[in-house]
Amino acid sequence: MADRLQELLQQRALIKEHLAWIEGEISAAAGRPIAMPTPLPQTPDPPPPSRAPEAKAILLAVAPAAPLPKIRDASDAMIAKLAAQEKKPSVPTKKGCWIFFCVTLTVLTTIAWLTLRYFYRE
């Protein structure tokens, strides 16, 4: 249970950091001064009173968690790396779609012509 709690706390911290980054990007794009909020301390909500001793033990086990690494530098590096990669066009997929379309159109046209020729003759 302590591992799950620790994982959830880390995910919440990452989401808060990501939201702060998004707010900064929106502010920069809008031309407003960037107002970065001060990060909140990572303290979980107080547990219900009936489970206080058990929750206190879990909090003590989670408290000495290592600080989160600097995600922004890693994410910026990953974005730059992905932007630099050459994107291959999806020509084979589109070519296959066009071939299927042309064959289907030809078959339907042939069926329509045969139907008109043999069933609706004068």
PDB file of N, CA and C in Angstrom:
ATOM      1  N   MET A   1       0.822  -1.188   0.000  1.00  0.00           N
ATOM      2  CA  MET A   1       0.000   0.000   0.000  1.00  0.00           C
ATOM      3  C   MET A   1       0.867   1.254   0.000  1.00  0.00           C
ATOM      4  N   ALA A   2       2.008   1.218   0.665  1.00  0.00           N
ATOM      5  CA  ALA A   2       2.884   2.378   0.730  1.00  0.00           C
ATOM      6  C   ALA A   2       3.452   2.704  -0.650  1.00  0.00           C
ATOM      7  N   ASP A   3       3.746   1.673  -1.450  1.00  0.00           N
ATOM      8  CA  ASP A   3       4.266   1.908  -2.793  1.00  0.00           C
ATOM      9  C   ASP A   3       3.231   2.619  -3.657  1.00  0.00           C
ATOM     10  N   ARG A   4       1.987   2.202  -3.531  1.00  0.00           N
ATOM     11  CA  ARG A   4       0.905   2.827  -4.317  1.00  0.00           C
ATOM     12  C   ARG A   4       0.738   4.292  -3.921  1.00  0.00           C
ATOM     13  N   LEU A   5       0.784   4.573  -2.629  1.00  0.00           N
ATOM     14  CA  LEU A   5       0.650   5.940  -2.148  1.00  0.00           C
ATOM     15  C   LEU A   5       1.803   6.800  -2.643  1.00  0.00           C
ATOM     16  N   GLN A   6       2.997   6.260  -2.575  1.00  0.00           N
ATOM     17  CA  GLN A   6       4.161   7.001  -3.037  1.00  0.00           C
ATOM     18  C   GLN A   6       4.060   7.278  -4.537  1.00  0.00           C
ATOM     19  N   GLU A   7       3.618   6.295  -5.291  1.00  0.00           N
ATOM     20  CA  GLU A   7       3.461   6.472  -6.734  1.00  0.00           C
ATOM     21  C   GLU A   7       2.419   7.547  -7.045  1.00  0.00           C
ATOM     22  N   LEU A   8       1.316   7.532  -6.323  1.00  0.00           N
ATOM     23  CA  LEU A   8       0.277   8.540  -6.542  1.00  0.00           C
ATOM     24  C   LEU A   8       0.765   9.940  -6.185  1.00  0.00           C
ATOM     25  N   LEU A   9       1.522  10.055  -5.114  1.00  0.00           N
ATOM     26  CA  LEU A   9       2.063  11.353  -4.733  1.00  0.00           C
ATOM     27  C   LEU A   9       3.044  11.870  -5.777  1.00  0.00           C
ATOM     28  N   GLN A  10       3.867  10.988  -6.321  1.00  0.00           N
ATOM     29  CA  GLN A  10       4.802  11.397  -7.364  1.00  0.00           C
ATOM     30  C   GLN A  10       4.057  11.824  -8.630  1.00  0.00           C
ATOM     31  N   GLN A  11       3.017  11.094  -8.990  1.00  0.00           N
ATOM     32  CA  GLN A  11       2.233  11.462 -10.169  1.00  0.00           C
ATOM     33  C   GLN A  11       1.559  12.816  -9.983  1.00  0.00           C
ATOM     34  N   ARG A  12       1.045  13.066  -8.782  1.00  0.00           N
ATOM     35  CA  ARG A  12       0.411  14.352  -8.523  1.00  0.00           C
ATOM     36  C   ARG A  12       1.426  15.479  -8.636  1.00  0.00           C
ATOM     37  N   ALA A  13       2.632  15.264  -8.120  1.00  0.00           N
ATOM     38  CA  ALA A  13       3.671  16.288  -8.215  1.00  0.00           C
ATOM     39  C   ALA A  13       4.060  16.535  -9.680  1.00  0.00           C
ATOM     40  N   LEU A  14       4.165  15.472 -10.467  1.00  0.00           N
ATOM     41  CA  LEU A  14       4.493  15.636 -11.878  1.00  0.00           C
ATOM     42  C   LEU A  14       3.402  16.391 -12.621  1.00  0.00           C
ATOM     43  N   ILE A  15       2.169  16.104 -12.304  1.00  0.00           N
ATOM     44  CA  ILE A  15       1.058  16.798 -12.972  1.00  0.00           C
ATOM     45  C   ILE A  15       1.061  18.279 -12.601  1.00  0.00           C
ATOM     46  N   LYS A  16       1.326  18.596 -11.333  1.00  0.00           N
ATOM     47  CA  LYS A  16       1.400  19.997 -10.922  1.00  0.00           C
ATOM     48  C   LYS A  16       2.535  20.713 -11.652  1.00  0.00           C
ATOM     49  N   GLU A  17       3.666  20.055 -11.790  1.00  0.00           N
ATOM     50  CA  GLU A  17       4.794  20.652 -12.504  1.00  0.00           C
ATOM     51  C   GLU A  17       4.457  20.854 -13.974  1.00  0.00           C
ATOM     52  N   HIS A  18       3.784  19.885 -14.555  1.00  0.00           N
ATOM     53  CA  HIS A  18       3.399  19.995 -15.965  1.00  0.00           C
ATOM     54  C   HIS A  18       2.397  21.134 -16.168  1.00  0.00           C
ATOM     55  N   LEU A  19       1.430  21.261 -15.263  1.00  0.00           N
ATOM     56  CA  LEU A  19       0.466  22.354 -15.367  1.00  0.00           C
ATOM     57  C   LEU A  19       1.145  23.717 -15.231  1.00  0.00           C
ATOM     58  N   ALA A  20       2.130  23.819 -14.355  1.00  0.00           N
ATOM     59  CA  ALA A  20       2.878  25.069 -14.220  1.00  0.00           C
ATOM     60  C   ALA A  20       3.634  25.381 -15.504  1.00  0.00           C
ATOM     61  N   TRP A  21       4.208  24.372 -16.130  1.00  0.00           N
ATOM     62  CA  TRP A  21       4.916  24.572 -17.401  1.00  0.00           C
ATOM     63  C   TRP A  21       3.947  25.032 -18.484  1.00  0.00           C
ATOM     64  N   ILE A  22       2.756  24.410 -18.551  1.00  0.00           N
ATOM     65  CA  ILE A  22       1.755  24.797 -19.550  1.00  0.00           C
ATOM     66  C   ILE A  22       1.329  26.249 -19.330  1.00  0.00           C
ATOM     67  N   GLU A  23       1.114  26.648 -18.079  1.00  0.00           N
ATOM     68  CA  GLU A  23       0.742  28.032 -17.783  1.00  0.00           C
ATOM     69  C   GLU A  23       1.836  28.990 -18.240  1.00  0.00           C
ATOM     70  N   GLY A  24       3.090  28.615 -18.032  1.00  0.00           N
ATOM     71  CA  GLY A  24       4.199  29.452 -18.488  1.00  0.00           C
ATOM     72  C   GLY A  24       4.236  29.576 -20.000  1.00  0.00           C
ATOM     73  N   GLU A  25       3.996  28.483 -20.695  1.00  0.00           N
ATOM     74  CA  GLU A  25       3.971  28.516 -22.157  1.00  0.00           C
ATOM     75  C   GLU A  25       2.814  29.363 -22.679  1.00  0.00           C
ATOM     76  N   ILE A  26       1.656  29.249 -22.045  1.00  0.00           N
ATOM     77  CA  ILE A  26       0.501  30.066 -22.447  1.00  0.00           C
ATOM     78  C   ILE A  26       0.792  31.536 -22.207  1.00  0.00           C
ATOM     79  N   SER A  27       1.394  31.851 -21.078  1.00  0.00           N
ATOM     80  CA  SER A  27       1.742  33.243 -20.779  1.00  0.00           C
ATOM     81  C   SER A  27       2.753  33.777 -21.777  1.00  0.00           C
ATOM     82  N   ALA A  28       3.731  32.964 -22.127  1.00  0.00           N
ATOM     83  CA  ALA A  28       4.745  33.396 -23.092  1.00  0.00           C
ATOM     84  C   ALA A  28       4.136  33.608 -24.468  1.00  0.00           C
ATOM     85  N   ALA A  29       3.221  32.740 -24.873  1.00  0.00           N
ATOM     86  CA  ALA A  29       2.590  32.867 -26.183  1.00  0.00           C
ATOM     87  C   ALA A  29       1.651  34.070 -26.232  1.00  0.00           C
ATOM     88  N   ALA A  30       1.036  34.397 -25.118  1.00  0.00           N
ATOM     89  CA  ALA A  30       0.112  35.523 -25.068  1.00  0.00           C
ATOM     90  C   ALA A  30       0.848  36.847 -24.874  1.00  0.00           C
ATOM     91  N   GLY A  31       2.127  36.798 -24.586  1.00  0.00           N
ATOM     92  CA  GLY A  31       2.913  38.009 -24.402  1.00  0.00           C
ATOM     93  C   GLY A  31       2.792  38.609 -23.014  1.00  0.00           C
ATOM     94  N   ARG A  32       2.202  37.881 -22.104  1.00  0.00           N
ATOM     95  CA  ARG A  32       2.087  38.359 -20.738  1.00  0.00           C
ATOM     96  C   ARG A  32       3.327  37.949 -19.965  1.00  0.00           C
ATOM     97  N   PRO A  33       3.631  38.678 -18.899  1.00  0.00           N
ATOM     98  CA  PRO A  33       4.755  38.238 -18.075  1.00  0.00           C
ATOM     99  C   PRO A  33       4.443  36.891 -17.442  1.00  0.00           C
ATOM    100  N   ILE A  34       5.452  36.070 -17.354  1.00  0.00           N
ATOM    101  CA  ILE A  34       5.268  34.721 -16.824  1.00  0.00           C
ATOM    102  C   ILE A  34       5.170  34.792 -15.306  1.00  0.00           C
ATOM    103  N   ALA A  35       4.052  34.363 -14.795  1.00  0.00           N
ATOM    104  CA  ALA A  35       3.844  34.330 -13.347  1.00  0.00           C
ATOM    105  C   ALA A  35       3.852  32.878 -12.914  1.00  0.00           C
ATOM    106  N   MET A  36       5.000  32.410 -12.488  1.00  0.00           N
ATOM    107  CA  MET A  36       5.125  31.027 -12.054  1.00  0.00           C
ATOM    108  C   MET A  36       4.700  30.935 -10.596  1.00  0.00           C
ATOM    109  N   PRO A  37       3.705  30.119 -10.296  1.00  0.00           N
ATOM    110  CA  PRO A  37       3.286  29.981  -8.905  1.00  0.00           C
ATOM    111  C   PRO A  37       4.344  29.237  -8.110  1.00  0.00           C
ATOM    112  N   THR A  38       4.397  29.549  -6.840  1.00  0.00           N
ATOM    113  CA  THR A  38       5.344  28.838  -5.995  1.00  0.00           C
ATOM    114  C   THR A  38       4.833  27.422  -5.783  1.00  0.00           C
ATOM    115  N   PRO A  39       5.710  26.448  -5.881  1.00  0.00           N
ATOM    116  CA  PRO A  39       5.241  25.067  -5.729  1.00  0.00           C
ATOM    117  C   PRO A  39       4.754  24.813  -4.306  1.00  0.00           C
ATOM    118  N   LEU A  40       3.690  24.078  -4.225  1.00  0.00           N
ATOM    119  CA  LEU A  40       3.139  23.717  -2.930  1.00  0.00           C
ATOM    120  C   LEU A  40       3.956  22.578  -2.321  1.00  0.00           C
ATOM    121  N   PRO A  41       4.069  22.562  -1.009  1.00  0.00           N
ATOM    122  CA  PRO A  41       4.782  21.433  -0.398  1.00  0.00           C
ATOM    123  C   PRO A  41       4.019  20.140  -0.656  1.00  0.00           C
ATOM    124  N   GLN A  42       4.757  19.082  -0.784  1.00  0.00           N
ATOM    125  CA  GLN A  42       4.154  17.795  -1.109  1.00  0.00           C
ATOM    126  C   GLN A  42       3.701  17.086   0.163  1.00  0.00           C
ATOM    127  N   THR A  43       2.627  17.578   0.733  1.00  0.00           N
ATOM    128  CA  THR A  43       2.063  16.913   1.892  1.00  0.00           C
ATOM    129  C   THR A  43       0.717  16.343   1.493  1.00  0.00           C
ATOM    130  N   PRO A  44       0.488  15.094   1.759  1.00  0.00           N
ATOM    131  CA  PRO A  44      -0.800  14.508   1.397  1.00  0.00           C
ATOM    132  C   PRO A  44      -1.908  15.032   2.300  1.00  0.00           C
ATOM    133  N   ASP A  45      -3.132  14.852   1.856  1.00  0.00           N
ATOM    134  CA  ASP A  45      -4.288  15.253   2.647  1.00  0.00           C
ATOM    135  C   ASP A  45      -4.307  14.463   3.946  1.00  0.00           C
ATOM    136  N   PRO A  46      -4.831  15.054   5.016  1.00  0.00           N
ATOM    137  CA  PRO A  46      -4.871  14.301   6.279  1.00  0.00           C
ATOM    138  C   PRO A  46      -5.799  13.102   6.152  1.00  0.00           C
ATOM    139  N   PRO A  47      -5.397  11.968   6.697  1.00  0.00           N
ATOM    140  CA  PRO A  47      -6.218  10.762   6.597  1.00  0.00           C
ATOM    141  C   PRO A  47      -7.438  10.863   7.501  1.00  0.00           C
ATOM    142  N   PRO A  48      -8.437  10.029   7.253  1.00  0.00           N
ATOM    143  CA  PRO A  48      -9.599  10.020   8.143  1.00  0.00           C
ATOM    144  C   PRO A  48      -9.176   9.581   9.539  1.00  0.00           C
ATOM    145  N   PRO A  49      -9.889  10.039  10.589  1.00  0.00           N
ATOM    146  CA  PRO A  49      -9.457   9.759  11.957  1.00  0.00           C
ATOM    147  C   PRO A  49      -9.463   8.284  12.328  1.00  0.00           C
ATOM    148  N   SER A  50     -10.284   7.480  11.696  1.00  0.00           N
ATOM    149  CA  SER A  50     -10.356   6.076  12.088  1.00  0.00           C
ATOM    150  C   SER A  50      -9.105   5.292  11.702  1.00  0.00           C
ATOM    151  N   ARG A  51      -8.372   5.754  10.700  1.00  0.00           N
ATOM    152  CA  ARG A  51      -7.182   5.032  10.240  1.00  0.00           C
ATOM    153  C   ARG A  51      -5.910   5.824  10.526  1.00  0.00           C
ATOM    154  N   ALA A  52      -5.931   6.707  11.483  1.00  0.00           N
ATOM    155  CA  ALA A  52      -4.811   7.599  11.769  1.00  0.00           C
ATOM    156  C   ALA A  52      -3.504   6.863  12.072  1.00  0.00           C
ATOM    157  N   PRO A  53      -3.449   5.848  12.943  1.00  0.00           N
ATOM    158  CA  PRO A  53      -2.161   5.197  13.221  1.00  0.00           C
ATOM    159  C   PRO A  53      -1.579   4.517  11.977  1.00  0.00           C
ATOM    160  N   GLU A  54      -2.434   3.870  11.205  1.00  0.00           N
ATOM    161  CA  GLU A  54      -1.957   3.184  10.004  1.00  0.00           C
ATOM    162  C   GLU A  54      -1.461   4.196   8.971  1.00  0.00           C
ATOM    163  N   ALA A  55      -2.196   5.285   8.794  1.00  0.00           N
ATOM    164  CA  ALA A  55      -1.814   6.304   7.824  1.00  0.00           C
ATOM    165  C   ALA A  55      -0.540   7.015   8.257  1.00  0.00           C
ATOM    166  N   LYS A  56      -0.358   7.224   9.571  1.00  0.00           N
ATOM    167  CA  LYS A  56       0.846   7.881  10.060  1.00  0.00           C
ATOM    168  C   LYS A  56       2.085   7.041   9.731  1.00  0.00           C
ATOM    169  N   ALA A  57       1.967   5.742   9.846  1.00  0.00           N
ATOM    170  CA  ALA A  57       3.086   4.862   9.506  1.00  0.00           C
ATOM    171  C   ALA A  57       3.400   4.939   8.016  1.00  0.00           C
ATOM    172  N   ILE A  58       2.354   5.024   7.205  1.00  0.00           N
ATOM    173  CA  ILE A  58       2.563   5.135   5.757  1.00  0.00           C
ATOM    174  C   ILE A  58       3.229   6.464   5.419  1.00  0.00           C
ATOM    175  N   LEU A  59       2.768   7.551   6.042  1.00  0.00           N
ATOM    176  CA  LEU A  59       3.362   8.857   5.780  1.00  0.00           C
ATOM    177  C   LEU A  59       4.823   8.911   6.204  1.00  0.00           C
ATOM    178  N   LEU A  60       5.153   8.284   7.301  1.00  0.00           N
ATOM    179  CA  LEU A  60       6.542   8.263   7.733  1.00  0.00           C
ATOM    180  C   LEU A  60       7.416   7.464   6.769  1.00  0.00           C
ATOM    181  N   ALA A  61       6.834   6.434   6.171  1.00  0.00           N
ATOM    182  CA  ALA A  61       7.593   5.646   5.209  1.00  0.00           C
ATOM    183  C   ALA A  61       7.780   6.398   3.899  1.00  0.00           C
ATOM    184  N   VAL A  62       6.835   7.265   3.559  1.00  0.00           N
ATOM    185  CA  VAL A  62       6.892   7.989   2.285  1.00  0.00           C
ATOM    186  C   VAL A  62       7.682   9.279   2.407  1.00  0.00           C
ATOM    187  N   ALA A  63       7.727   9.883   3.565  1.00  0.00           N
ATOM    188  CA  ALA A  63       8.318  11.205   3.760  1.00  0.00           C
ATOM    189  C   ALA A  63       9.752  11.334   3.260  1.00  0.00           C
ATOM    190  N   PRO A  64      10.655  10.384   3.474  1.00  0.00           N
ATOM    191  CA  PRO A  64      12.026  10.602   3.022  1.00  0.00           C
ATOM    192  C   PRO A  64      12.235  10.330   1.529  1.00  0.00           C
ATOM    193  N   ALA A  65      11.205  10.506   0.724  1.00  0.00           N
ATOM    194  CA  ALA A  65      11.342  10.256  -0.713  1.00  0.00           C
ATOM    195  C   ALA A  65      12.319  11.257  -1.321  1.00  0.00           C
ATOM    196  N   ALA A  66      13.059  10.811  -2.311  1.00  0.00           N
ATOM    197  CA  ALA A  66      14.042  11.665  -2.978  1.00  0.00           C
ATOM    198  C   ALA A  66      13.322  12.742  -3.774  1.00  0.00           C
ATOM    199  N   PRO A  67      13.941  13.913  -3.929  1.00  0.00           N
ATOM    200  CA  PRO A  67      13.303  14.965  -4.718  1.00  0.00           C
ATOM    201  C   PRO A  67      13.198  14.535  -6.179  1.00  0.00           C
ATOM    202  N   LEU A  68      12.179  15.049  -6.848  1.00  0.00           N
ATOM    203  CA  LEU A  68      11.955  14.686  -8.240  1.00  0.00           C
ATOM    204  C   LEU A  68      13.034  15.287  -9.130  1.00  0.00           C
ATOM    205  N   PRO A  69      13.452  14.562 -10.168  1.00  0.00           N
ATOM    206  CA  PRO A  69      14.470  15.099 -11.056  1.00  0.00           C
ATOM    207  C   PRO A  69      13.907  16.262 -11.876  1.00  0.00           C
ATOM    208  N   LYS A  70      14.776  17.024 -12.485  1.00  0.00           N
ATOM    209  CA  LYS A  70      14.373  18.155 -13.308  1.00  0.00           C
ATOM    210  C   LYS A  70      13.798  17.628 -14.605  1.00  0.00           C
ATOM    211  N   ILE A  71      12.490  17.611 -14.726  1.00  0.00           N
ATOM    212  CA  ILE A  71      11.798  17.033 -15.869  1.00  0.00           C
ATOM    213  C   ILE A  71      11.862  17.971 -17.069  1.00  0.00           C
ATOM    214  N   ARG A  72      11.859  19.262 -16.828  1.00  0.00           N
ATOM    215  CA  ARG A  72      11.794  20.222 -17.923  1.00  0.00           C
ATOM    216  C   ARG A  72      12.985  20.071 -18.873  1.00  0.00           C
ATOM    217  N   ASP A  73      14.189  19.909 -18.348  1.00  0.00           N
ATOM    218  CA  ASP A  73      15.359  19.765 -19.207  1.00  0.00           C
ATOM    219  C   ASP A  73      15.271  18.491 -20.044  1.00  0.00           C
ATOM    220  N   ALA A  74      14.845  17.413 -19.437  1.00  0.00           N
ATOM    221  CA  ALA A  74      14.731  16.146 -20.156  1.00  0.00           C
ATOM    222  C   ALA A  74      13.641  16.229 -21.215  1.00  0.00           C
ATOM    223  N   SER A  75      12.530  16.872 -20.883  1.00  0.00           N
ATOM    224  CA  SER A  75      11.440  16.964 -21.868  1.00  0.00           C
ATOM    225  C   SER A  75      11.818  17.872 -23.023  1.00  0.00           C
ATOM    226  N   ASP A  76      12.529  18.975 -22.739  1.00  0.00           N
ATOM    227  CA  ASP A  76      12.972  19.849 -23.825  1.00  0.00           C
ATOM    228  C   ASP A  76      13.953  19.132 -24.743  1.00  0.00           C
ATOM    229  N   ALA A  77      14.832  18.335 -24.160  1.00  0.00           N
ATOM    230  CA  ALA A  77      15.783  17.580 -24.977  1.00  0.00           C
ATOM    231  C   ALA A  77      15.062  16.549 -25.835  1.00  0.00           C
ATOM    232  N   MET A  78      14.037  15.898 -25.262  1.00  0.00           N
ATOM    233  CA  MET A  78      13.287  14.906 -26.016  1.00  0.00           C
ATOM    234  C   MET A  78      12.511  15.561 -27.161  1.00  0.00           C
ATOM    235  N   ILE A  79      11.930  16.727 -26.919  1.00  0.00           N
ATOM    236  CA  ILE A  79      11.191  17.432 -27.967  1.00  0.00           C
ATOM    237  C   ILE A  79      12.130  17.827 -29.094  1.00  0.00           C
ATOM    238  N   ALA A  80      13.308  18.325 -28.757  1.00  0.00           N
ATOM    239  CA  ALA A  80      14.273  18.711 -29.785  1.00  0.00           C
ATOM    240  C   ALA A  80      14.726  17.494 -30.591  1.00  0.00           C
ATOM    241  N   LYS A  81      14.933  16.367 -29.919  1.00  0.00           N
ATOM    242  CA  LYS A  81      15.365  15.154 -30.611  1.00  0.00           C
ATOM    243  C   LYS A  81      14.279  14.654 -31.559  1.00  0.00           C
ATOM    244  N   LEU A  82      13.031  14.657 -31.112  1.00  0.00           N
ATOM    245  CA  LEU A  82      11.943  14.190 -31.959  1.00  0.00           C
ATOM    246  C   LEU A  82      11.685  15.146 -33.125  1.00  0.00           C
ATOM    247  N   ALA A  83      11.877  16.442 -32.910  1.00  0.00           N
ATOM    248  CA  ALA A  83      11.678  17.405 -33.987  1.00  0.00           C
ATOM    249  C   ALA A  83      12.764  17.271 -35.050  1.00  0.00           C
ATOM    250  N   ALA A  84      13.953  16.856 -34.632  1.00  0.00           N
ATOM    251  CA  ALA A  84      15.059  16.720 -35.572  1.00  0.00           C
ATOM    252  C   ALA A  84      14.959  15.449 -36.409  1.00  0.00           C
ATOM    253  N   GLN A  85      14.219  14.459 -35.926  1.00  0.00           N
ATOM    254  CA  GLN A  85      14.103  13.212 -36.670  1.00  0.00           C
ATOM    255  C   GLN A  85      13.321  13.450 -37.955  1.00  0.00           C
ATOM    256  N   GLU A  86      13.747  12.776 -38.992  1.00  0.00           N
ATOM    257  CA  GLU A  86      13.060  12.892 -40.269  1.00  0.00           C
ATOM    258  C   GLU A  86      11.808  12.030 -40.239  1.00  0.00           C
ATOM    259  N   LYS A  87      10.701  12.625 -40.651  1.00  0.00           N
ATOM    260  CA  LYS A  87       9.450  11.877 -40.684  1.00  0.00           C
ATOM    261  C   LYS A  87       9.293  11.254 -42.064  1.00  0.00           C
ATOM    262  N   LYS A  88       9.037   9.964 -42.075  1.00  0.00           N
ATOM    263  CA  LYS A  88       8.838   9.264 -43.338  1.00  0.00           C
ATOM    264  C   LYS A  88       7.386   9.420 -43.767  1.00  0.00           C
ATOM    265  N   PRO A  89       7.144   9.766 -45.012  1.00  0.00           N
ATOM    266  CA  PRO A  89       5.764   9.895 -45.467  1.00  0.00           C
ATOM    267  C   PRO A  89       5.080   8.537 -45.519  1.00  0.00           C
ATOM    268  N   SER A  90       3.789   8.547 -45.353  1.00  0.00           N
ATOM    269  CA  SER A  90       3.041   7.299 -45.356  1.00  0.00           C
ATOM    270  C   SER A  90       2.520   6.996 -46.754  1.00  0.00           C
ATOM    271  N   VAL A  91       3.402   7.022 -47.755  1.00  0.00           N
ATOM    272  CA  VAL A  91       3.011   6.787 -49.144  1.00  0.00           C
ATOM    273  C   VAL A  91       2.473   5.377 -49.367  1.00  0.00           C
ATOM    274  N   PRO A  92       3.097   4.323 -48.834  1.00  0.00           N
ATOM    275  CA  PRO A  92       2.554   2.987 -49.089  1.00  0.00           C
ATOM    276  C   PRO A  92       1.113   2.834 -48.597  1.00  0.00           C
ATOM    277  N   THR A  93       0.782   3.437 -47.470  1.00  0.00           N
ATOM    278  CA  THR A  93      -0.579   3.338 -46.966  1.00  0.00           C
ATOM    279  C   THR A  93      -1.545   4.053 -47.896  1.00  0.00           C
ATOM    280  N   LYS A  94      -1.194   5.253 -48.317  1.00  0.00           N
ATOM    281  CA  LYS A  94      -2.070   6.004 -49.215  1.00  0.00           C
ATOM    282  C   LYS A  94      -2.155   5.331 -50.577  1.00  0.00           C
ATOM    283  N   LYS A  95      -1.048   4.767 -51.027  1.00  0.00           N
ATOM    284  CA  LYS A  95      -1.052   4.086 -52.322  1.00  0.00           C
ATOM    285  C   LYS A  95      -2.002   2.891 -52.278  1.00  0.00           C
ATOM    286  N   GLY A  96      -1.970   2.157 -51.196  1.00  0.00           N
ATOM    287  CA  GLY A  96      -2.873   1.014 -51.058  1.00  0.00           C
ATOM    288  C   GLY A  96      -4.325   1.441 -51.038  1.00  0.00           C
ATOM    289  N   CYS A  97      -4.625   2.547 -50.402  1.00  0.00           N
ATOM    290  CA  CYS A  97      -6.001   3.050 -50.369  1.00  0.00           C
ATOM    291  C   CYS A  97      -6.465   3.437 -51.765  1.00  0.00           C
ATOM    292  N   TRP A  98      -5.594   4.091 -52.522  1.00  0.00           N
ATOM    293  CA  TRP A  98      -5.969   4.494 -53.878  1.00  0.00           C
ATOM    294  C   TRP A  98      -6.174   3.278 -54.780  1.00  0.00           C
ATOM    295  N   ILE A  99      -5.330   2.271 -54.609  1.00  0.00           N
ATOM    296  CA  ILE A  99      -5.493   1.049 -55.412  1.00  0.00           C
ATOM    297  C   ILE A  99      -6.820   0.379 -55.071  1.00  0.00           C
ATOM    298  N   PHE A 100      -7.137   0.270 -53.800  1.00  0.00           N
ATOM    299  CA  PHE A 100      -8.405  -0.323 -53.388  1.00  0.00           C
ATOM    300  C   PHE A 100      -9.589   0.477 -53.936  1.00  0.00           C
ATOM    301  N   PHE A 101      -9.512   1.798 -53.881  1.00  0.00           N
ATOM    302  CA  PHE A 101     -10.578   2.650 -54.389  1.00  0.00           C
ATOM    303  C   PHE A 101     -10.772   2.449 -55.898  1.00  0.00           C
ATOM    304  N   CYS A 102      -9.677   2.426 -56.646  1.00  0.00           N
ATOM    305  CA  CYS A 102      -9.771   2.279 -58.108  1.00  0.00           C
ATOM    306  C   CYS A 102     -10.325   0.904 -58.492  1.00  0.00           C
ATOM    307  N   VAL A 103      -9.875  -0.139 -57.836  1.00  0.00           N
ATOM    308  CA  VAL A 103     -10.365  -1.487 -58.141  1.00  0.00           C
ATOM    309  C   VAL A 103     -11.855  -1.582 -57.802  1.00  0.00           C
ATOM    310  N   THR A 104     -12.262  -1.061 -56.659  1.00  0.00           N
ATOM    311  CA  THR A 104     -13.671  -1.087 -56.275  1.00  0.00           C
ATOM    312  C   THR A 104     -14.520  -0.292 -57.249  1.00  0.00           C
ATOM    313  N   LEU A 105     -14.049   0.868 -57.660  1.00  0.00           N
ATOM    314  CA  LEU A 105     -14.786   1.685 -58.622  1.00  0.00           C
ATOM    315  C   LEU A 105     -14.923   0.969 -59.958  1.00  0.00           C
ATOM    316  N   THR A 106     -13.852   0.321 -60.400  1.00  0.00           N
ATOM    317  CA  THR A 106     -13.887  -0.415 -61.668  1.00  0.00           C
ATOM    318  C   THR A 106     -14.875  -1.581 -61.587  1.00  0.00           C
ATOM    319  N   VAL A 107     -14.854  -2.327 -60.513  1.00  0.00           N
ATOM    320  CA  VAL A 107     -15.757  -3.465 -60.356  1.00  0.00           C
ATOM    321  C   VAL A 107     -17.211  -2.983 -60.319  1.00  0.00           C
ATOM    322  N   LEU A 108     -17.504  -1.950 -59.570  1.00  0.00           N
ATOM    323  CA  LEU A 108     -18.869  -1.446 -59.497  1.00  0.00           C
ATOM    324  C   LEU A 108     -19.342  -0.888 -60.840  1.00  0.00           C
ATOM    325  N   THR A 109     -18.470  -0.227 -61.566  1.00  0.00           N
ATOM    326  CA  THR A 109     -18.821   0.288 -62.891  1.00  0.00           C
ATOM    327  C   THR A 109     -19.102  -0.872 -63.846  1.00  0.00           C
ATOM    328  N   THR A 110     -18.294  -1.901 -63.791  1.00  0.00           N
ATOM    329  CA  THR A 110     -18.502  -3.069 -64.654  1.00  0.00           C
ATOM    330  C   THR A 110     -19.827  -3.758 -64.317  1.00  0.00           C
ATOM    331  N   ILE A 111     -20.137  -3.916 -63.053  1.00  0.00           N
ATOM    332  CA  ILE A 111     -21.402  -4.532 -62.642  1.00  0.00           C
ATOM    333  C   ILE A 111     -22.581  -3.689 -63.121  1.00  0.00           C
ATOM    334  N   ALA A 112     -22.485  -2.377 -62.968  1.00  0.00           N
ATOM    335  CA  ALA A 112     -23.566  -1.507 -63.426  1.00  0.00           C
ATOM    336  C   ALA A 112     -23.739  -1.594 -64.941  1.00  0.00           C
ATOM    337  N   TRP A 113     -22.646  -1.618 -65.694  1.00  0.00           N
ATOM    338  CA  TRP A 113     -22.720  -1.705 -67.151  1.00  0.00           C
ATOM    339  C   TRP A 113     -23.337  -3.042 -67.582  1.00  0.00           C
ATOM    340  N   LEU A 114     -22.887  -4.142 -66.938  1.00  0.00           N
ATOM    341  CA  LEU A 114     -23.437  -5.461 -67.274  1.00  0.00           C
ATOM    342  C   LEU A 114     -24.929  -5.542 -66.932  1.00  0.00           C
ATOM    343  N   THR A 115     -25.323  -4.968 -65.805  1.00  0.00           N
ATOM    344  CA  THR A 115     -26.726  -4.972 -65.419  1.00  0.00           C
ATOM    345  C   THR A 115     -27.565  -4.206 -66.434  1.00  0.00           C
ATOM    346  N   LEU A 116     -27.114  -3.045 -66.835  1.00  0.00           N
ATOM    347  CA  LEU A 116     -27.855  -2.266 -67.831  1.00  0.00           C
ATOM    348  C   LEU A 116     -27.882  -2.945 -69.185  1.00  0.00           C
ATOM    349  N   ARG A 117     -26.819  -3.570 -69.563  1.00  0.00           N
ATOM    350  CA  ARG A 117     -26.724  -4.202 -70.887  1.00  0.00           C
ATOM    351  C   ARG A 117     -27.615  -5.434 -71.007  1.00  0.00           C
ATOM    352  N   TYR A 118     -27.622  -6.300 -69.973  1.00  0.00           N
ATOM    353  CA  TYR A 118     -28.321  -7.580 -70.103  1.00  0.00           C
ATOM    354  C   TYR A 118     -29.737  -7.587 -69.532  1.00  0.00           C
ATOM    355  N   PHE A 119     -30.034  -6.741 -68.554  1.00  0.00           N
ATOM    356  CA  PHE A 119     -31.359  -6.793 -67.941  1.00  0.00           C
ATOM    357  C   PHE A 119     -32.296  -5.687 -68.415  1.00  0.00           C
ATOM    358  N   TYR A 120     -31.756  -4.627 -68.964  1.00  0.00           N
ATOM    359  CA  TYR A 120     -32.614  -3.515 -69.391  1.00  0.00           C
ATOM    360  C   TYR A 120     -32.461  -3.259 -70.884  1.00  0.00           C
ATOM    361  N   ARG A 121     -32.375  -4.300 -71.675  1.00  0.00           N
ATOM    362  CA  ARG A 121     -32.292  -4.165 -73.133  1.00  0.00           C
ATOM    363  C   ARG A 121     -33.686  -3.946 -73.680  1.00  0.00           C
ATOM    364  N   GLU A 122     -33.739  -3.291 -74.797  1.00  0.00           N
ATOM    365  CA  GLU A 122     -35.027  -3.084 -75.431  1.00  0.00           C
ATOM    366  C   GLU A 122     -35.352  -4.180 -76.392  1.00  0.00           C
TER     367      GLU A 122
END
